PDB file of N, CA and C in Angstrom:
ATOM      1  N   MET A   1     -10.191  -7.539  -3.372  1.00  0.00           N
ATOM      2  CA  MET A   1      -9.176  -6.750  -4.269  1.00  0.00           C
ATOM      3  C   MET A   1      -8.623  -8.270  -4.570  1.00  0.00           C
ATOM      4  N   GLN A   2      -8.773  -8.548  -5.946  1.00  0.00           N
ATOM      5  CA  GLN A   2      -7.897  -8.386  -6.797  1.00  0.00           C
ATOM      6  C   GLN A   2      -6.597  -8.722  -6.664  1.00  0.00           C
ATOM      7  N   LEU A   3      -6.105  -9.968  -7.118  1.00  0.00           N
ATOM      8  CA  LEU A   3      -4.051  -9.509  -7.442  1.00  0.00           C
ATOM      9  C   LEU A   3      -2.762  -8.472  -7.694  1.00  0.00           C
ATOM     10  N   GLY A   4      -3.654  -8.490  -9.162  1.00  0.00           N
ATOM     11  CA  GLY A   4      -3.365  -7.180  -9.465  1.00  0.00           C
ATOM     12  C   GLY A   4      -3.732  -6.122  -8.868  1.00  0.00           C
ATOM     13  N   GLU A   5      -4.806  -5.829  -8.226  1.00  0.00           N
ATOM     14  CA  GLU A   5      -4.765  -4.666  -7.365  1.00  0.00           C
ATOM     15  C   GLU A   5      -3.980  -4.273  -6.494  1.00  0.00           C
ATOM     16  N   LYS A   6      -3.856  -5.566  -5.315  1.00  0.00           N
ATOM     17  CA  LYS A   6      -3.316  -5.644  -4.275  1.00  0.00           C
ATOM     18  C   LYS A   6      -1.686  -5.538  -4.430  1.00  0.00           C
ATOM     19  N   ILE A   7      -1.388  -5.925  -5.669  1.00  0.00           N
ATOM     20  CA  ILE A   7      -0.139  -5.513  -5.965  1.00  0.00           C
ATOM     21  C   ILE A   7       0.154  -4.257  -5.737  1.00  0.00           C
ATOM     22  N   LYS A   8      -0.631  -3.631  -7.669  1.00  0.00           N
ATOM     23  CA  LYS A   8      -0.813  -2.167  -7.167  1.00  0.00           C
ATOM     24  C   LYS A   8      -1.142  -1.335  -5.960  1.00  0.00           C
ATOM     25  N   TYR A   9      -1.446  -2.052  -5.026  1.00  0.00           N
ATOM     26  CA  TYR A   9      -1.188  -1.628  -3.431  1.00  0.00           C
ATOM     27  C   TYR A   9      -0.272  -1.344  -2.695  1.00  0.00           C
ATOM     28  N   ILE A  10       0.011  -2.049  -2.262  1.00  0.00           N
ATOM     29  CA  ILE A  10       1.737  -2.174  -2.604  1.00  0.00           C
ATOM     30  C   ILE A  10       2.100  -1.566  -2.903  1.00  0.00           C
ATOM     31  N   ARG A  11       2.388  -1.262  -4.142  1.00  0.00           N
ATOM     32  CA  ARG A  11       3.767  -0.366  -5.057  1.00  0.00           C
ATOM     33  C   ARG A  11       3.153   1.427  -4.310  1.00  0.00           C
ATOM     34  N   LYS A  12       2.036   1.259  -4.433  1.00  0.00           N
ATOM     35  CA  LYS A  12       1.588   3.039  -3.980  1.00  0.00           C
ATOM     36  C   LYS A  12       1.754   3.036  -2.199  1.00  0.00           C
ATOM     37  N   THR A  13       1.049   1.765  -1.549  1.00  0.00           N
ATOM     38  CA  THR A  13       1.277   2.081  -0.267  1.00  0.00           C
ATOM     39  C   THR A  13       3.148   2.779  -0.040  1.00  0.00           C
ATOM     40  N   ASN A  14       4.065   1.691  -1.175  1.00  0.00           N
ATOM     41  CA  ASN A  14       5.594   2.014  -0.561  1.00  0.00           C
ATOM     42  C   ASN A  14       6.345   3.282  -1.240  1.00  0.00           C
ATOM     43  N   GLN A  15       4.675   4.304  -2.238  1.00  0.00           N
ATOM     44  CA  GLN A  15       5.298   5.270  -3.056  1.00  0.00           C
ATOM     45  C   GLN A  15       6.827   4.733  -4.122  1.00  0.00           C
ATOM     46  N   MET A  16       6.413   4.149  -5.363  1.00  0.00           N
ATOM     47  CA  MET A  16       7.362   3.629  -5.753  1.00  0.00           C
ATOM     48  C   MET A  16       6.430   3.818  -6.893  1.00  0.00           C
ATOM     49  N   ASN A  17       7.171   3.712  -8.378  1.00  0.00           N
ATOM     50  CA  ASN A  17       6.844   4.542  -9.886  1.00  0.00           C
ATOM     51  C   ASN A  17       6.555   2.707 -10.338  1.00  0.00           C
ATOM     52  N   GLN A  18       5.831   2.457 -11.208  1.00  0.00           N
ATOM     53  CA  GLN A  18       5.318   0.811 -11.877  1.00  0.00           C
ATOM     54  C   GLN A  18       7.415   0.357 -12.175  1.00  0.00           C
ATOM     55  N   LYS A  19       8.597   1.301 -12.615  1.00  0.00           N
ATOM     56  CA  LYS A  19       9.458   0.280 -12.585  1.00  0.00           C
ATOM     57  C   LYS A  19      10.461   0.263 -11.667  1.00  0.00           C
ATOM     58  N   GLU A  20       9.829   1.058 -10.535  1.00  0.00           N
ATOM     59  CA  GLU A  20      11.323   1.154  -9.474  1.00  0.00           C
ATOM     60  C   GLU A  20      11.014  -0.174  -8.197  1.00  0.00           C
ATOM     61  N   PHE A  21       9.644  -0.443  -8.720  1.00  0.00           N
ATOM     62  CA  PHE A  21       8.540  -1.591  -7.935  1.00  0.00           C
ATOM     63  C   PHE A  21       9.089  -3.093  -8.858  1.00  0.00           C
ATOM     64  N   ALA A  22       8.976  -2.948 -10.296  1.00  0.00           N
ATOM     65  CA  ALA A  22       9.267  -3.717 -11.006  1.00  0.00           C
ATOM     66  C   ALA A  22      11.034  -3.561 -10.915  1.00  0.00           C
ATOM     67  N   ASP A  23      11.769  -4.143 -10.643  1.00  0.00           N
ATOM     68  CA  ASP A  23      13.209  -3.593 -10.259  1.00  0.00           C
ATOM     69  C   ASP A  23      12.811  -4.437  -9.419  1.00  0.00           C
ATOM     70  N   ARG A  24      12.644  -3.936  -7.882  1.00  0.00           N
ATOM     71  CA  ARG A  24      12.773  -4.363  -6.405  1.00  0.00           C
ATOM     72  C   ARG A  24      12.190  -6.368  -7.141  1.00  0.00           C
ATOM     73  N   ILE A  25      11.019  -6.139  -7.715  1.00  0.00           N
ATOM     74  CA  ILE A  25      11.617  -7.411  -7.811  1.00  0.00           C
ATOM     75  C   ILE A  25      11.545  -8.106  -8.844  1.00  0.00           C
ATOM     76  N   GLY A  26      12.125  -7.633  -9.478  1.00  0.00           N
ATOM     77  CA  GLY A  26      12.075  -8.675 -10.044  1.00  0.00           C
ATOM     78  C   GLY A  26      12.052  -9.123 -11.714  1.00  0.00           C
ATOM     79  N   VAL A  27      10.638  -7.901 -11.728  1.00  0.00           N
ATOM     80  CA  VAL A  27      10.115  -8.253 -13.135  1.00  0.00           C
ATOM     81  C   VAL A  27      10.196  -6.773 -13.993  1.00  0.00           C
ATOM     82  N   SER A  28      10.018  -6.955 -15.587  1.00  0.00           N
ATOM     83  CA  SER A  28      10.135  -6.116 -16.301  1.00  0.00           C
ATOM     84  C   SER A  28       9.004  -5.110 -16.023  1.00  0.00           C
ATOM     85  N   GLN A  29       8.881  -3.676 -17.012  1.00  0.00           N
ATOM     86  CA  GLN A  29       7.764  -3.052 -16.135  1.00  0.00           C
ATOM     87  C   GLN A  29       6.609  -3.023 -16.933  1.00  0.00           C
ATOM     88  N   GLY A  30       6.804  -3.608 -17.911  1.00  0.00           N
ATOM     89  CA  GLY A  30       5.838  -4.279 -18.771  1.00  0.00           C
ATOM     90  C   GLY A  30       4.404  -5.848 -17.919  1.00  0.00           C
ATOM     91  N   THR A  31       5.637  -6.130 -17.788  1.00  0.00           N
ATOM     92  CA  THR A  31       5.462  -6.872 -16.761  1.00  0.00           C
ATOM     93  C   THR A  31       4.573  -7.359 -15.554  1.00  0.00           C
ATOM     94  N   LEU A  32       5.233  -5.864 -14.581  1.00  0.00           N
ATOM     95  CA  LEU A  32       4.254  -5.425 -13.741  1.00  0.00           C
ATOM     96  C   LEU A  32       3.048  -4.608 -13.814  1.00  0.00           C
ATOM     97  N   SER A  33       2.726  -4.441 -15.423  1.00  0.00           N
ATOM     98  CA  SER A  33       1.815  -3.480 -15.536  1.00  0.00           C
ATOM     99  C   SER A  33       0.814  -4.185 -16.374  1.00  0.00           C
ATOM    100  N   ASP A  34       0.894  -5.381 -16.631  1.00  0.00           N
ATOM    101  CA  ASP A  34      -0.334  -6.710 -17.063  1.00  0.00           C
ATOM    102  C   ASP A  34      -0.991  -7.389 -15.946  1.00  0.00           C
ATOM    103  N   ILE A  35       0.296  -7.225 -15.164  1.00  0.00           N
ATOM    104  CA  ILE A  35      -0.576  -8.102 -13.556  1.00  0.00           C
ATOM    105  C   ILE A  35      -1.164  -6.840 -12.783  1.00  0.00           C
ATOM    106  N   GLU A  36      -0.676  -5.939 -12.467  1.00  0.00           N
ATOM    107  CA  GLU A  36      -1.354  -4.859 -12.117  1.00  0.00           C
ATOM    108  C   GLU A  36      -3.147  -4.392 -12.521  1.00  0.00           C
ATOM    109  N   ARG A  37      -2.958  -4.959 -14.065  1.00  0.00           N
ATOM    110  CA  ARG A  37      -4.027  -4.573 -14.777  1.00  0.00           C
ATOM    111  C   ARG A  37      -4.936  -5.926 -14.865  1.00  0.00           C
ATOM    112  N   GLY A  38      -4.897  -7.241 -14.575  1.00  0.00           N
ATOM    113  CA  GLY A  38      -5.403  -8.124 -14.449  1.00  0.00           C
ATOM    114  C   GLY A  38      -5.322  -9.275 -15.828  1.00  0.00           C
ATOM    115  N   ASN A  39      -4.221  -8.786 -16.408  1.00  0.00           N
ATOM    116  CA  ASN A  39      -3.670  -8.676 -17.760  1.00  0.00           C
ATOM    117  C   ASN A  39      -3.069 -10.494 -17.542  1.00  0.00           C
ATOM    118  N   GLY A  40      -2.500 -10.923 -16.304  1.00  0.00           N
ATOM    119  CA  GLY A  40      -1.266 -11.618 -16.623  1.00  0.00           C
ATOM    120  C   GLY A  40      -1.196 -11.984 -14.750  1.00  0.00           C
ATOM    121  N   PHE A  41      -0.205 -12.896 -15.145  1.00  0.00           N
ATOM    122  CA  PHE A  41       0.213 -13.651 -13.628  1.00  0.00           C
ATOM    123  C   PHE A  41       1.353 -13.640 -12.768  1.00  0.00           C
ATOM    124  N   PRO A  42       1.700 -13.028 -11.297  1.00  0.00           N
ATOM    125  CA  PRO A  42       2.942 -13.212 -11.655  1.00  0.00           C
ATOM    126  C   PRO A  42       3.509 -14.277 -11.187  1.00  0.00           C
ATOM    127  N   SER A  43       4.697 -15.066 -11.696  1.00  0.00           N
ATOM    128  CA  SER A  43       4.954 -15.895 -11.666  1.00  0.00           C
ATOM    129  C   SER A  43       5.798 -16.674  -9.987  1.00  0.00           C
ATOM    130  N   TYR A  44       6.011 -17.584  -9.670  1.00  0.00           N
ATOM    131  CA  TYR A  44       6.490 -18.289  -8.206  1.00  0.00           C
ATOM    132  C   TYR A  44       7.219 -17.519  -7.434  1.00  0.00           C
ATOM    133  N   GLU A  45       8.140 -16.997  -8.106  1.00  0.00           N
ATOM    134  CA  GLU A  45       9.549 -16.432  -7.722  1.00  0.00           C
ATOM    135  C   GLU A  45       8.816 -14.941  -7.729  1.00  0.00           C
ATOM    136  N   THR A  46       8.338 -14.542  -7.848  1.00  0.00           N
ATOM    137  CA  THR A  46       7.499 -12.871  -8.048  1.00  0.00           C
ATOM    138  C   THR A  46       6.794 -13.345  -6.682  1.00  0.00           C
ATOM    139  N   ILE A  47       5.949 -13.755  -6.278  1.00  0.00           N
ATOM    140  CA  ILE A  47       5.682 -14.200  -5.173  1.00  0.00           C
ATOM    141  C   ILE A  47       6.232 -13.767  -4.276  1.00  0.00           C
ATOM    142  N   LEU A  48       6.978 -14.669  -4.287  1.00  0.00           N
ATOM    143  CA  LEU A  48       7.963 -14.496  -3.159  1.00  0.00           C
ATOM    144  C   LEU A  48       8.988 -13.104  -2.716  1.00  0.00           C
ATOM    145  N   ALA A  49       9.229 -12.616  -4.199  1.00  0.00           N
ATOM    146  CA  ALA A  49       9.628 -11.502  -4.249  1.00  0.00           C
ATOM    147  C   ALA A  49       8.859 -10.565  -3.018  1.00  0.00           C
ATOM    148  N   LEU A  50       8.175 -10.827  -3.437  1.00  0.00           N
ATOM    149  CA  LEU A  50       6.859  -9.283  -2.633  1.00  0.00           C
ATOM    150  C   LEU A  50       7.101  -9.831  -1.682  1.00  0.00           C
ATOM    151  N   LYS A  51       6.968 -10.997  -1.274  1.00  0.00           N
ATOM    152  CA  LYS A  51       6.598 -11.355   0.259  1.00  0.00           C
ATOM    153  C   LYS A  51       8.404 -10.804   0.871  1.00  0.00           C
ATOM    154  N   LYS A  52       8.979 -11.264   0.773  1.00  0.00           N
ATOM    155  CA  LYS A  52      10.368 -11.047   0.776  1.00  0.00           C
ATOM    156  C   LYS A  52      10.945  -9.436   1.130  1.00  0.00           C
ATOM    157  N   ALA A  53      10.430  -8.660  -0.117  1.00  0.00           N
ATOM    158  CA  ALA A  53      10.996  -7.687  -0.562  1.00  0.00           C
ATOM    159  C   ALA A  53       9.847  -6.067   0.824  1.00  0.00           C
ATOM    160  N   PHE A  54       8.744  -6.990   0.419  1.00  0.00           N
ATOM    161  CA  PHE A  54       7.542  -6.058   1.123  1.00  0.00           C
ATOM    162  C   PHE A  54       6.856  -6.326   2.725  1.00  0.00           C
ATOM    163  N   LYS A  55       7.089  -7.823   2.973  1.00  0.00           N
ATOM    164  CA  LYS A  55       6.557  -8.519   4.190  1.00  0.00           C
ATOM    165  C   LYS A  55       5.215  -8.396   3.896  1.00  0.00           C
ATOM    166  N   CYS A  56       4.850  -8.783   2.519  1.00  0.00           N
ATOM    167  CA  CYS A  56       3.748  -9.095   2.461  1.00  0.00           C
ATOM    168  C   CYS A  56       3.246 -10.767   2.994  1.00  0.00           C
ATOM    169  N   ASP A  57       1.628 -10.595   3.184  1.00  0.00           N
ATOM    170  CA  ASP A  57       1.189 -11.924   4.059  1.00  0.00           C
ATOM    171  C   ASP A  57       0.899 -12.970   2.655  1.00  0.00           C
ATOM    172  N   LEU A  58       1.429 -14.091   2.173  1.00  0.00           N
ATOM    173  CA  LEU A  58       0.881 -14.495   1.335  1.00  0.00           C
ATOM    174  C   LEU A  58      -0.071 -14.605   1.261  1.00  0.00           C
ATOM    175  N   ASN A  59      -1.497 -15.173   2.998  1.00  0.00           N
ATOM    176  CA  ASN A  59      -2.562 -15.668   2.372  1.00  0.00           C
ATOM    177  C   ASN A  59      -3.384 -14.442   2.139  1.00  0.00           C
ATOM    178  N   TRP A  60      -2.982 -13.231   1.671  1.00  0.00           N
ATOM    179  CA  TRP A  60      -3.847 -11.434   2.043  1.00  0.00           C
ATOM    180  C   TRP A  60      -3.257 -11.578   0.487  1.00  0.00           C
ATOM    181  N   LEU A  61      -2.381 -11.585  -0.120  1.00  0.00           N
ATOM    182  CA  LEU A  61      -2.096 -11.554  -1.380  1.00  0.00           C
ATOM    183  C   LEU A  61      -2.957 -12.526  -2.246  1.00  0.00           C
ATOM    184  N   ILE A  62      -2.471 -13.718  -2.210  1.00  0.00           N
ATOM    185  CA  ILE A  62      -3.551 -14.196  -3.361  1.00  0.00           C
ATOM    186  C   ILE A  62      -4.907 -14.452  -2.964  1.00  0.00           C
ATOM    187  N   ASP A  63      -5.421 -14.519  -1.776  1.00  0.00           N
ATOM    188  CA  ASP A  63      -6.627 -14.985  -1.370  1.00  0.00           C
ATOM    189  C   ASP A  63      -7.276 -13.444  -1.759  1.00  0.00           C
ATOM    190  N   ALA A  64      -8.521 -13.687  -3.110  1.00  0.00           N
ATOM    191  CA  ALA A  64      -9.036 -11.879  -3.618  1.00  0.00           C
ATOM    192  C   ALA A  64     -10.262 -12.141  -2.389  1.00  0.00           C
ATOM    193  N   ASP A  65     -10.895 -12.663  -1.465  1.00  0.00           N
ATOM    194  CA  ASP A  65     -11.468 -12.769  -0.537  1.00  0.00           C
ATOM    195  C   ASP A  65     -11.206 -11.820   0.617  1.00  0.00           C
ATOM    196  N   ILE A  66     -10.099 -12.082   0.574  1.00  0.00           N
ATOM    197  CA  ILE A  66      -9.253 -10.879   2.470  1.00  0.00           C
ATOM    198  C   ILE A  66      -8.701  -9.448   1.426  1.00  0.00           C
ATOM    199  N   ASP A  67      -9.552  -8.612   2.188  1.00  0.00           N
ATOM    200  CA  ASP A  67      -9.429  -6.854   1.973  1.00  0.00           C
ATOM    201  C   ASP A  67      -8.323  -6.816   2.759  1.00  0.00           C
ATOM    202  N   SER A  68      -7.855  -5.730   2.265  1.00  0.00           N
ATOM    203  CA  SER A  68      -6.520  -5.242   3.038  1.00  0.00           C
ATOM    204  C   SER A  68      -6.383  -5.579   4.648  1.00  0.00           C
ATOM    205  N   GLU A  69      -5.668  -5.581   6.001  1.00  0.00           N
ATOM    206  CA  GLU A  69      -6.424  -5.641   6.756  1.00  0.00           C
ATOM    207  C   GLU A  69      -4.397  -4.709   7.284  1.00  0.00           C
ATOM    208  N   LEU A  70      -4.933  -3.970   8.008  1.00  0.00           N
ATOM    209  CA  LEU A  70      -3.751  -3.114   9.361  1.00  0.00           C
ATOM    210  C   LEU A  70      -3.428  -3.952  10.208  1.00  0.00           C
ATOM    211  N   GLY A  71      -2.077  -3.692  10.341  1.00  0.00           N
ATOM    212  CA  GLY A  71      -1.135  -5.029  11.118  1.00  0.00           C
ATOM    213  C   GLY A  71       0.115  -3.700  11.350  1.00  0.00           C
ATOM    214  N   ASN A  72       0.827  -4.392  12.397  1.00  0.00           N
ATOM    215  CA  ASN A  72       1.589  -3.472  12.973  1.00  0.00           C
ATOM    216  C   ASN A  72       3.072  -3.187  11.675  1.00  0.00           C
ATOM    217  N   GLU A  73       3.046  -4.044  10.634  1.00  0.00           N
ATOM    218  CA  GLU A  73       3.611  -4.191   9.342  1.00  0.00           C
ATOM    219  C   GLU A  73       2.820  -4.059   8.272  1.00  0.00           C
ATOM    220  N   LEU A  74       2.694  -3.433   7.326  1.00  0.00           N
ATOM    221  CA  LEU A  74       1.905  -2.839   6.487  1.00  0.00           C
ATOM    222  C   LEU A  74       2.663  -2.382   5.116  1.00  0.00           C
ATOM    223  N   PHE A  75       3.505  -4.377   4.069  1.00  0.00           N
ATOM    224  CA  PHE A  75       3.819  -3.522   3.506  1.00  0.00           C
ATOM    225  C   PHE A  75       5.179  -3.037   3.363  1.00  0.00           C
ATOM    226  N   GLY A  76       5.967  -3.463   4.174  1.00  0.00           N
ATOM    227  CA  GLY A  76       7.681  -2.891   4.389  1.00  0.00           C
ATOM    228  C   GLY A  76       7.433  -1.802   5.455  1.00  0.00           C
ATOM    229  N   VAL A  77       6.142  -0.928   5.443  1.00  0.00           N
ATOM    230  CA  VAL A  77       6.351   0.070   5.839  1.00  0.00           C
ATOM    231  C   VAL A  77       5.911  -0.012   7.876  1.00  0.00           C
ATOM    232  N   ASN A  78       6.603   0.656   8.949  1.00  0.00           N
ATOM    233  CA  ASN A  78       6.338   0.394   9.717  1.00  0.00           C
ATOM    234  C   ASN A  78       5.405   0.987  10.422  1.00  0.00           C
ATOM    235  N   VAL A  79       3.968   0.374  11.263  1.00  0.00           N
ATOM    236  CA  VAL A  79       2.558   1.016  11.423  1.00  0.00           C
ATOM    237  C   VAL A  79       2.746   0.837  12.881  1.00  0.00           C
ATOM    238  N   SER A  80       2.657   1.928  13.606  1.00  0.00           N
ATOM    239  CA  SER A  80       2.421   1.792  14.954  1.00  0.00           C
ATOM    240  C   SER A  80       1.298   2.356  15.669  1.00  0.00           C
ATOM    241  N   ASP A  81       1.229   0.852  17.087  1.00  0.00           N
ATOM    242  CA  ASP A  81      -0.931   0.374  16.920  1.00  0.00           C
ATOM    243  C   ASP A  81      -1.421   2.586  16.916  1.00  0.00           C
ATOM    244  N   GLN A  82      -0.669   3.287  17.325  1.00  0.00           N
ATOM    245  CA  GLN A  82      -1.213   4.383  17.217  1.00  0.00           C
ATOM    246  C   GLN A  82      -1.563   5.087  15.857  1.00  0.00           C
ATOM    247  N   GLU A  83      -0.701   4.826  15.046  1.00  0.00           N
ATOM    248  CA  GLU A  83      -0.998   4.969  13.708  1.00  0.00           C
ATOM    249  C   GLU A  83      -2.425   4.295  12.817  1.00  0.00           C
ATOM    250  N   ILE A  84      -2.483   2.966  13.349  1.00  0.00           N
ATOM    251  CA  ILE A  84      -3.845   1.848  13.307  1.00  0.00           C
ATOM    252  C   ILE A  84      -5.228   2.510  13.595  1.00  0.00           C
ATOM    253  N   ALA A  85      -4.562   2.822  14.893  1.00  0.00           N
ATOM    254  CA  ALA A  85      -6.148   4.179  15.811  1.00  0.00           C
ATOM    255  C   ALA A  85      -6.415   4.698  14.719  1.00  0.00           C
ATOM    256  N   LEU A  86      -5.622   5.436  13.998  1.00  0.00           N
ATOM    257  CA  LEU A  86      -6.144   6.476  13.766  1.00  0.00           C
ATOM    258  C   LEU A  86      -6.950   6.447  12.031  1.00  0.00           C
ATOM    259  N   ILE A  87      -6.331   5.306  11.830  1.00  0.00           N
ATOM    260  CA  ILE A  87      -6.405   5.266  10.628  1.00  0.00           C
ATOM    261  C   ILE A  87      -7.738   4.486  10.696  1.00  0.00           C
ATOM    262  N   GLN A  88      -7.699   3.610  11.681  1.00  0.00           N
ATOM    263  CA  GLN A  88      -9.571   2.884  11.909  1.00  0.00           C
ATOM    264  C   GLN A  88      -9.759   4.181  11.595  1.00  0.00           C
ATOM    265  N   LEU A  89     -10.271   5.036  12.349  1.00  0.00           N
ATOM    266  CA  LEU A  89     -10.750   6.580  13.310  1.00  0.00           C
ATOM    267  C   LEU A  89     -11.399   7.014  11.698  1.00  0.00           C
ATOM    268  N   LEU A  90     -10.439   7.596  10.642  1.00  0.00           N
ATOM    269  CA  LEU A  90     -10.346   8.134   9.708  1.00  0.00           C
ATOM    270  C   LEU A  90     -11.615   7.546   8.818  1.00  0.00           C
ATOM    271  N   ARG A  91     -11.328   6.444   8.284  1.00  0.00           N
ATOM    272  CA  ARG A  91     -11.960   5.252   7.723  1.00  0.00           C
ATOM    273  C   ARG A  91     -13.659   5.233   7.826  1.00  0.00           C
ATOM    274  N   ASN A  92     -13.725   5.802   9.683  1.00  0.00           N
ATOM    275  CA  ASN A  92     -15.138   5.150   9.578  1.00  0.00           C
ATOM    276  C   ASN A  92     -15.676   6.333   9.635  1.00  0.00           C
ATOM    277  N   LEU A  93     -15.612   8.041   9.323  1.00  0.00           N
ATOM    278  CA  LEU A  93     -16.280   9.560   9.457  1.00  0.00           C
ATOM    279  C   LEU A  93     -16.906  10.003   8.146  1.00  0.00           C
ATOM    280  N   PRO A  94     -17.219  10.087   8.143  1.00  0.00           N
ATOM    281  CA  PRO A  94     -18.111  11.512   7.087  1.00  0.00           C
ATOM    282  C   PRO A  94     -17.237  11.287   6.392  1.00  0.00           C
ATOM    283  N   GLU A  95     -17.107  11.982   4.639  1.00  0.00           N
ATOM    284  CA  GLU A  95     -16.243  12.299   4.180  1.00  0.00           C
ATOM    285  C   GLU A  95     -15.978  13.822   3.950  1.00  0.00           C
ATOM    286  N   LEU A  96     -16.962  14.809   4.789  1.00  0.00           N
ATOM    287  CA  LEU A  96     -16.856  15.850   5.105  1.00  0.00           C
ATOM    288  C   LEU A  96     -15.934  15.856   6.160  1.00  0.00           C
ATOM    289  N   GLU A  97     -15.786  15.396   7.076  1.00  0.00           N
ATOM    290  CA  GLU A  97     -14.565  14.997   8.087  1.00  0.00           C
ATOM    291  C   GLU A  97     -13.692  14.938   7.807  1.00  0.00           C
ATOM    292  N   LYS A  98     -13.650  14.170   6.895  1.00  0.00           N
ATOM    293  CA  LYS A  98     -12.735  13.618   6.716  1.00  0.00           C
ATOM    294  C   LYS A  98     -11.441  14.708   5.707  1.00  0.00           C
ATOM    295  N   ASN A  99     -11.664  15.146   5.151  1.00  0.00           N
ATOM    296  CA  ASN A  99     -11.038  16.917   4.535  1.00  0.00           C
ATOM    297  C   ASN A  99     -10.761  17.255   6.177  1.00  0.00           C
ATOM    298  N   GLU A 100     -11.920  18.015   6.931  1.00  0.00           N
ATOM    299  CA  GLU A 100     -11.472  18.807   7.944  1.00  0.00           C
ATOM    300  C   GLU A 100     -10.125  17.825   8.470  1.00  0.00           C
ATOM    301  N   PHE A 101      -9.927  16.872   9.079  1.00  0.00           N
ATOM    302  CA  PHE A 101      -9.368  16.276   9.347  1.00  0.00           C
ATOM    303  C   PHE A 101      -8.093  15.882   8.786  1.00  0.00           C
ATOM    304  N   LEU A 102      -7.690  16.048   7.410  1.00  0.00           N
ATOM    305  CA  LEU A 102      -6.898  16.395   6.366  1.00  0.00           C
ATOM    306  C   LEU A 102      -5.876  17.764   6.738  1.00  0.00           C
ATOM    307  N   GLN A 103      -7.359  18.715   6.449  1.00  0.00           N
ATOM    308  CA  GLN A 103      -6.634  20.152   7.216  1.00  0.00           C
ATOM    309  C   GLN A 103      -6.254  20.088   8.519  1.00  0.00           C
ATOM    310  N   ILE A 104      -6.785  19.790   9.209  1.00  0.00           N
ATOM    311  CA  ILE A 104      -6.235  19.497  10.714  1.00  0.00           C
ATOM    312  C   ILE A 104      -4.747  19.032  10.779  1.00  0.00           C
ATOM    313  N   ALA A 105      -4.753  17.903  10.459  1.00  0.00           N
ATOM    314  CA  ALA A 105      -2.812  17.171   9.497  1.00  0.00           C
ATOM    315  C   ALA A 105      -1.942  17.796   9.092  1.00  0.00           C
ATOM    316  N   LYS A 106      -2.915  18.348   8.201  1.00  0.00           N
ATOM    317  CA  LYS A 106      -1.411  19.219   7.568  1.00  0.00           C
ATOM    318  C   LYS A 106      -1.380  20.815   8.358  1.00  0.00           C
ATOM    319  N   ILE A 107      -2.242  21.518   8.070  1.00  0.00           N
ATOM    320  CA  ILE A 107      -1.233  22.940   9.916  1.00  0.00           C
ATOM    321  C   ILE A 107      -0.627  22.299  10.897  1.00  0.00           C
ATOM    322  N   LYS A 108      -0.977  20.587  11.500  1.00  0.00           N
ATOM    323  CA  LYS A 108       0.260  20.473  12.140  1.00  0.00           C
ATOM    324  C   LYS A 108       1.406  20.012  11.793  1.00  0.00           C
ATOM    325  N   ALA A 109       1.245  19.660  10.608  1.00  0.00           N
ATOM    326  CA  ALA A 109       2.543  19.452   9.550  1.00  0.00           C
ATOM    327  C   ALA A 109       3.494  20.624   9.200  1.00  0.00           C
ATOM    328  N   LYS A 110       2.436  21.520   9.086  1.00  0.00           N
ATOM    329  CA  LYS A 110       3.423  23.067   8.748  1.00  0.00           C
ATOM    330  C   LYS A 110       4.144  23.484  10.093  1.00  0.00           C
ATOM    331  N   LYS A 111       3.303  23.173  11.671  1.00  0.00           N
ATOM    332  CA  LYS A 111       4.092  23.964  12.308  1.00  0.00           C
ATOM    333  C   LYS A 111       5.494  22.963  12.695  1.00  0.00           C
ATOM    334  N   ASN A 112       4.861  22.179  12.254  1.00  0.00           N
ATOM    335  CA  ASN A 112       6.151  20.935  12.693  1.00  0.00           C
ATOM    336  C   ASN A 112       7.138  20.880  12.051  1.00  0.00           C
ATOM    337  N   ASN A 113       7.346  21.376  10.685  1.00  0.00           N
ATOM    338  CA  ASN A 113       7.938  21.476   9.806  1.00  0.00           C
ATOM    339  C   ASN A 113       8.054  20.321   8.773  1.00  0.00           C
ATOM    340  N   ILE A 114       7.097  19.312   8.765  1.00  0.00           N
ATOM    341  CA  ILE A 114       6.863  18.147   8.546  1.00  0.00           C
ATOM    342  C   ILE A 114       6.475  18.231   7.498  1.00  0.00           C
ATOM    343  N   GLU A 115       7.149  17.729   5.683  1.00  0.00           N
ATOM    344  CA  GLU A 115       6.748  17.879   4.291  1.00  0.00           C
ATOM    345  C   GLU A 115       5.187  16.569   4.543  1.00  0.00           C
ATOM    346  N   TYR A 116       4.119  17.107   3.817  1.00  0.00           N
ATOM    347  CA  TYR A 116       3.487  15.637   3.662  1.00  0.00           C
ATOM    348  C   TYR A 116       2.781  16.030   2.130  1.00  0.00           C
ATOM    349  N   PRO A 117       2.375  14.882   1.548  1.00  0.00           N
ATOM    350  CA  PRO A 117       2.116  14.305  -0.356  1.00  0.00           C
ATOM    351  C   PRO A 117       0.951  15.944  -0.069  1.00  0.00           C
ATOM    352  N   ASN A 118       0.847  16.211  -1.034  1.00  0.00           N
ATOM    353  CA  ASN A 118       0.390  17.512  -2.247  1.00  0.00           C
ATOM    354  C   ASN A 118      -1.291  16.398  -2.424  1.00  0.00           C
TER     355      ASN A 118
END
């Protein structure tokens, strides 16, 4: 994954639009759009702002050979060991079973009055 794709991944993981994310890291929305599309590179200050705001691992961020890795904290979103295990299991399921898993999770969420993204 390239740098721009990783920055977009961080933004999407944190459920932010480009304007919110750009404001958070101190760049314009246009600059962020260019970076995400691979038409520009973030400044040193922007990379540090990403690290600070979203607790990004700088090695992961700038090294295209390092794919997304799960950890105890993923871009400012706390992830428990149980959540990591669920994600790893889900990634290994065939597509049809991923959909079944999602339907089960939605039923559980509804039963517990938990909102989920559509």
